[in-house]
Amino acid sequence: MKKIISGFIAVFALVLLANCTTQTKFPENIKREWMLVEFQDFTKESMMNNKAHLDLSDQTEPGKFAANMGCNNMFGSASFNTDGTVKFSEIGSTMMMCDKAMDLESAFSKELPSMTNYKVEGHYLTLTNASGKKMRFVAADWD
């Protein structure tokens, strides 16, 4: 009887542990809201006016992100690995039409899945891809 109970406890512990590891948690220095400040030929002023941001804070579910470039809400999955690699997937958005923000939004949603590396330097987050394209963000809570 003790072997059965011990076996049951071991299986239960493994199931519990496996369940915990399936949730992707972001590294602490990533978990915040980031304002887009450098991307393609868009001006910093236009990105600030649109309040273009990527939300990786605790307000989103583990392993999920939210973003807005001034019009539609974007969302999806993200995984940040300790080796500096990142993967954005399952990206979706609302479908409103906005005159001024559509170019930025379209370019951002097209490039985000191609971003494969990240680097945090101080209050800045930089995403890059294999062809050298980049997105640079500043922490929204930084003065």
C-alpha atoms as a PDB file:
ATOM      1  CA  MET A   1       0.000   0.000   0.000  1.00  0.00           C
ATOM      2  CA  LYS A   2       2.881   2.376   0.814  1.00  0.00           C
ATOM      3  CA  LYS A   3       4.386   1.753  -2.658  1.00  0.00           C
ATOM      4  CA  ILE A   4       1.083   2.654  -4.313  1.00  0.00           C
ATOM      5  CA  ILE A   5       0.784   5.870  -2.309  1.00  0.00           C
ATOM      6  CA  SER A   6       4.453   6.744  -2.950  1.00  0.00           C
ATOM      7  CA  GLY A   7       3.972   6.075  -6.660  1.00  0.00           C
ATOM      8  CA  PHE A   8       0.832   8.211  -6.734  1.00  0.00           C
ATOM      9  CA  ILE A   9       2.640  11.094  -4.998  1.00  0.00           C
ATOM     10  CA  ALA A  10       5.581  10.826  -7.426  1.00  0.00           C
ATOM     11  CA  VAL A  11       3.280  10.894 -10.468  1.00  0.00           C
ATOM     12  CA  PHE A  12       1.289  13.806  -9.011  1.00  0.00           C
ATOM     13  CA  ALA A  13       4.523  15.747  -8.367  1.00  0.00           C
ATOM     14  CA  LEU A  14       5.714  15.153 -11.939  1.00  0.00           C
ATOM     15  CA  VAL A  15       2.391  16.299 -13.393  1.00  0.00           C
ATOM     16  CA  LEU A  16       2.447  19.398 -11.206  1.00  0.00           C
ATOM     17  CA  LEU A  17       6.035  20.178 -12.175  1.00  0.00           C
ATOM     18  CA  ALA A  18       5.311  19.660 -15.886  1.00  0.00           C
ATOM     19  CA  ASN A  19       2.338  22.008 -15.645  1.00  0.00           C
ATOM     20  CA  CYS A  20       4.476  24.722 -14.059  1.00  0.00           C
ATOM     21  CA  THR A  21       7.159  24.515 -16.732  1.00  0.00           C
ATOM     22  CA  THR A  22       4.715  24.928 -19.619  1.00  0.00           C
ATOM     23  CA  GLN A  23       4.021  28.531 -18.622  1.00  0.00           C
ATOM     24  CA  THR A  24       6.648  30.808 -20.132  1.00  0.00           C
ATOM     25  CA  LYS A  25       7.659  33.554 -17.767  1.00  0.00           C
ATOM     26  CA  PHE A  26       9.616  36.550 -18.951  1.00  0.00           C
ATOM     27  CA  PRO A  27      12.951  37.435 -17.339  1.00  0.00           C
ATOM     28  CA  GLU A  28      12.502  40.121 -14.662  1.00  0.00           C
ATOM     29  CA  ASN A  29      14.280  42.817 -16.698  1.00  0.00           C
ATOM     30  CA  ILE A  30      11.802  42.246 -19.574  1.00  0.00           C
ATOM     31  CA  LYS A  31       8.545  42.367 -17.552  1.00  0.00           C
ATOM     32  CA  ARG A  32       7.424  45.937 -18.141  1.00  0.00           C
ATOM     33  CA  GLU A  33       5.762  48.146 -20.707  1.00  0.00           C
ATOM     34  CA  TRP A  34       8.111  49.333 -23.467  1.00  0.00           C
ATOM     35  CA  MET A  35       7.623  52.433 -25.648  1.00  0.00           C
ATOM     36  CA  LEU A  36       8.775  52.101 -29.271  1.00  0.00           C
ATOM     37  CA  VAL A  37      11.383  54.816 -30.012  1.00  0.00           C
ATOM     38  CA  GLU A  38      13.318  53.536 -33.039  1.00  0.00           C
ATOM     39  CA  PHE A  39      11.924  51.548 -35.951  1.00  0.00           C
ATOM     40  CA  GLN A  40      12.545  51.745 -39.709  1.00  0.00           C
ATOM     41  CA  ASP A  41      12.112  55.312 -41.003  1.00  0.00           C
ATOM     42  CA  PHE A  42       9.375  56.295 -38.559  1.00  0.00           C
ATOM     43  CA  THR A  43      10.144  59.345 -36.443  1.00  0.00           C
ATOM     44  CA  LYS A  44      10.378  59.092 -32.693  1.00  0.00           C
ATOM     45  CA  GLU A  45       7.833  61.912 -32.505  1.00  0.00           C
ATOM     46  CA  SER A  46       5.242  59.968 -34.539  1.00  0.00           C
ATOM     47  CA  MET A  47       5.742  56.857 -32.393  1.00  0.00           C
ATOM     48  CA  MET A  48       5.384  58.914 -29.200  1.00  0.00           C
ATOM     49  CA  ASN A  49       2.249  60.650 -30.542  1.00  0.00           C
ATOM     50  CA  ASN A  50       0.737  57.226 -31.319  1.00  0.00           C
ATOM     51  CA  LYS A  51       1.815  55.919 -27.896  1.00  0.00           C
ATOM     52  CA  ALA A  52       3.353  52.947 -29.721  1.00  0.00           C
ATOM     53  CA  HIS A  53       4.182  50.319 -27.119  1.00  0.00           C
ATOM     54  CA  LEU A  54       4.852  46.652 -26.398  1.00  0.00           C
ATOM     55  CA  ASP A  55       3.468  45.362 -23.102  1.00  0.00           C
ATOM     56  CA  LEU A  56       5.405  42.510 -21.491  1.00  0.00           C
ATOM     57  CA  SER A  57       4.387  43.403 -17.941  1.00  0.00           C
ATOM     58  CA  ASP A  58       2.675  41.240 -15.361  1.00  0.00           C
ATOM     59  CA  GLN A  59      -0.659  42.619 -16.607  1.00  0.00           C
ATOM     60  CA  THR A  60      -0.514  40.160 -19.482  1.00  0.00           C
ATOM     61  CA  GLU A  61      -0.684  36.367 -19.058  1.00  0.00           C
ATOM     62  CA  PRO A  62       2.618  34.484 -18.687  1.00  0.00           C
ATOM     63  CA  GLY A  63       4.217  34.095 -22.110  1.00  0.00           C
ATOM     64  CA  LYS A  64       1.829  36.594 -23.723  1.00  0.00           C
ATOM     65  CA  PHE A  65       2.345  40.115 -25.019  1.00  0.00           C
ATOM     66  CA  ALA A  66       0.123  43.023 -25.966  1.00  0.00           C
ATOM     67  CA  ALA A  67       0.988  45.930 -28.233  1.00  0.00           C
ATOM     68  CA  ASN A  68      -0.580  49.002 -29.773  1.00  0.00           C
ATOM     69  CA  MET A  69       0.867  51.285 -32.432  1.00  0.00           C
ATOM     70  CA  GLY A  70      -1.868  53.904 -32.182  1.00  0.00           C
ATOM     71  CA  CYS A  71      -4.943  52.086 -33.490  1.00  0.00           C
ATOM     72  CA  ASN A  72      -5.518  48.338 -33.119  1.00  0.00           C
ATOM     73  CA  ASN A  73      -4.685  46.185 -30.122  1.00  0.00           C
ATOM     74  CA  MET A  74      -2.214  43.438 -30.969  1.00  0.00           C
ATOM     75  CA  PHE A  75      -1.582  40.317 -28.938  1.00  0.00           C
ATOM     76  CA  GLY A  76       0.210  36.988 -29.100  1.00  0.00           C
ATOM     77  CA  SER A  77       2.781  34.703 -27.538  1.00  0.00           C
ATOM     78  CA  ALA A  78       6.420  35.461 -26.834  1.00  0.00           C
ATOM     79  CA  SER A  79       9.310  33.545 -25.343  1.00  0.00           C
ATOM     80  CA  PHE A  80      12.510  35.211 -24.150  1.00  0.00           C
ATOM     81  CA  ASN A  81      15.385  32.812 -23.552  1.00  0.00           C
ATOM     82  CA  THR A  82      18.422  33.406 -21.364  1.00  0.00           C
ATOM     83  CA  ASP A  83      20.716  33.092 -24.409  1.00  0.00           C
ATOM     84  CA  GLY A  84      19.286  36.340 -25.842  1.00  0.00           C
ATOM     85  CA  THR A  85      16.909  34.745 -28.324  1.00  0.00           C
ATOM     86  CA  VAL A  86      13.244  35.626 -28.616  1.00  0.00           C
ATOM     87  CA  LYS A  87      10.280  34.264 -30.534  1.00  0.00           C
ATOM     88  CA  PHE A  88       6.978  36.029 -31.212  1.00  0.00           C
ATOM     89  CA  SER A  89       4.135  33.849 -32.481  1.00  0.00           C
ATOM     90  CA  GLU A  90       0.344  33.489 -32.641  1.00  0.00           C
ATOM     91  CA  ILE A  91       0.055  37.206 -33.413  1.00  0.00           C
ATOM     92  CA  GLY A  92      -3.398  38.680 -33.856  1.00  0.00           C
ATOM     93  CA  SER A  93      -5.074  42.074 -33.660  1.00  0.00           C
ATOM     94  CA  THR A  94      -8.341  43.912 -33.710  1.00  0.00           C
ATOM     95  CA  MET A  95      -9.386  45.139 -37.164  1.00  0.00           C
ATOM     96  CA  MET A  96     -10.213  48.859 -37.015  1.00  0.00           C
ATOM     97  CA  MET A  97      -9.152  51.263 -39.762  1.00  0.00           C
ATOM     98  CA  CYS A  98      -7.211  54.313 -38.629  1.00  0.00           C
ATOM     99  CA  ASP A  99      -5.758  56.817 -41.080  1.00  0.00           C
ATOM    100  CA  LYS A 100      -2.613  57.978 -39.304  1.00  0.00           C
ATOM    101  CA  ALA A 101      -1.393  54.840 -37.511  1.00  0.00           C
ATOM    102  CA  MET A 102      -1.870  52.167 -40.171  1.00  0.00           C
ATOM    103  CA  ASP A 103       1.582  52.459 -41.785  1.00  0.00           C
ATOM    104  CA  LEU A 104       3.381  52.054 -38.460  1.00  0.00           C
ATOM    105  CA  GLU A 105       1.057  49.289 -37.337  1.00  0.00           C
ATOM    106  CA  SER A 106       1.366  47.359 -40.581  1.00  0.00           C
ATOM    107  CA  ALA A 107       5.172  47.574 -40.603  1.00  0.00           C
ATOM    108  CA  PHE A 108       5.414  46.606 -36.921  1.00  0.00           C
ATOM    109  CA  SER A 109       3.114  43.588 -37.231  1.00  0.00           C
ATOM    110  CA  LYS A 110       5.016  42.420 -40.325  1.00  0.00           C
ATOM    111  CA  GLU A 111       8.474  42.722 -38.694  1.00  0.00           C
ATOM    112  CA  LEU A 112       7.719  41.528 -35.137  1.00  0.00           C
ATOM    113  CA  PRO A 113       7.598  37.789 -35.982  1.00  0.00           C
ATOM    114  CA  SER A 114      11.017  38.078 -37.658  1.00  0.00           C
ATOM    115  CA  MET A 115      12.708  39.384 -34.501  1.00  0.00           C
ATOM    116  CA  THR A 116      14.921  36.605 -33.133  1.00  0.00           C
ATOM    117  CA  ASN A 117      17.271  38.302 -30.650  1.00  0.00           C
ATOM    118  CA  TYR A 118      16.892  40.705 -27.776  1.00  0.00           C
ATOM    119  CA  LYS A 119      19.177  42.774 -25.615  1.00  0.00           C
ATOM    120  CA  VAL A 120      18.417  44.853 -22.546  1.00  0.00           C
ATOM    121  CA  GLU A 121      20.798  47.723 -21.862  1.00  0.00           C
ATOM    122  CA  GLY A 122      19.777  49.922 -18.953  1.00  0.00           C
ATOM    123  CA  HIS A 123      16.254  51.137 -19.715  1.00  0.00           C
ATOM    124  CA  TYR A 124      16.379  50.063 -23.364  1.00  0.00           C
ATOM    125  CA  LEU A 125      15.187  46.888 -25.063  1.00  0.00           C
ATOM    126  CA  THR A 126      16.418  46.166 -28.584  1.00  0.00           C
ATOM    127  CA  LEU A 127      14.942  43.460 -30.788  1.00  0.00           C
ATOM    128  CA  THR A 128      16.888  42.380 -33.896  1.00  0.00           C
ATOM    129  CA  ASN A 129      16.535  39.853 -36.681  1.00  0.00           C
ATOM    130  CA  ALA A 130      18.998  37.921 -38.839  1.00  0.00           C
ATOM    131  CA  SER A 131      18.992  40.559 -41.577  1.00  0.00           C
ATOM    132  CA  GLY A 132      19.995  43.347 -39.168  1.00  0.00           C
ATOM    133  CA  LYS A 133      16.611  45.038 -38.832  1.00  0.00           C
ATOM    134  CA  LYS A 134      15.829  46.321 -35.357  1.00  0.00           C
ATOM    135  CA  MET A 135      13.205  47.741 -33.043  1.00  0.00           C
ATOM    136  CA  ARG A 136      14.305  49.792 -30.068  1.00  0.00           C
ATOM    137  CA  PHE A 137      12.160  50.484 -27.016  1.00  0.00           C
ATOM    138  CA  VAL A 138      12.554  52.478 -23.822  1.00  0.00           C
ATOM    139  CA  ALA A 139      10.941  51.420 -20.544  1.00  0.00           C
ATOM    140  CA  ALA A 140       7.658  53.318 -20.122  1.00  0.00           C
ATOM    141  CA  ASP A 141       8.271  53.777 -16.387  1.00  0.00           C
ATOM    142  CA  TRP A 142      11.661  55.405 -16.948  1.00  0.00           C
ATOM    143  CA  ASP A 143      11.797  59.167 -16.508  1.00  0.00           C
END
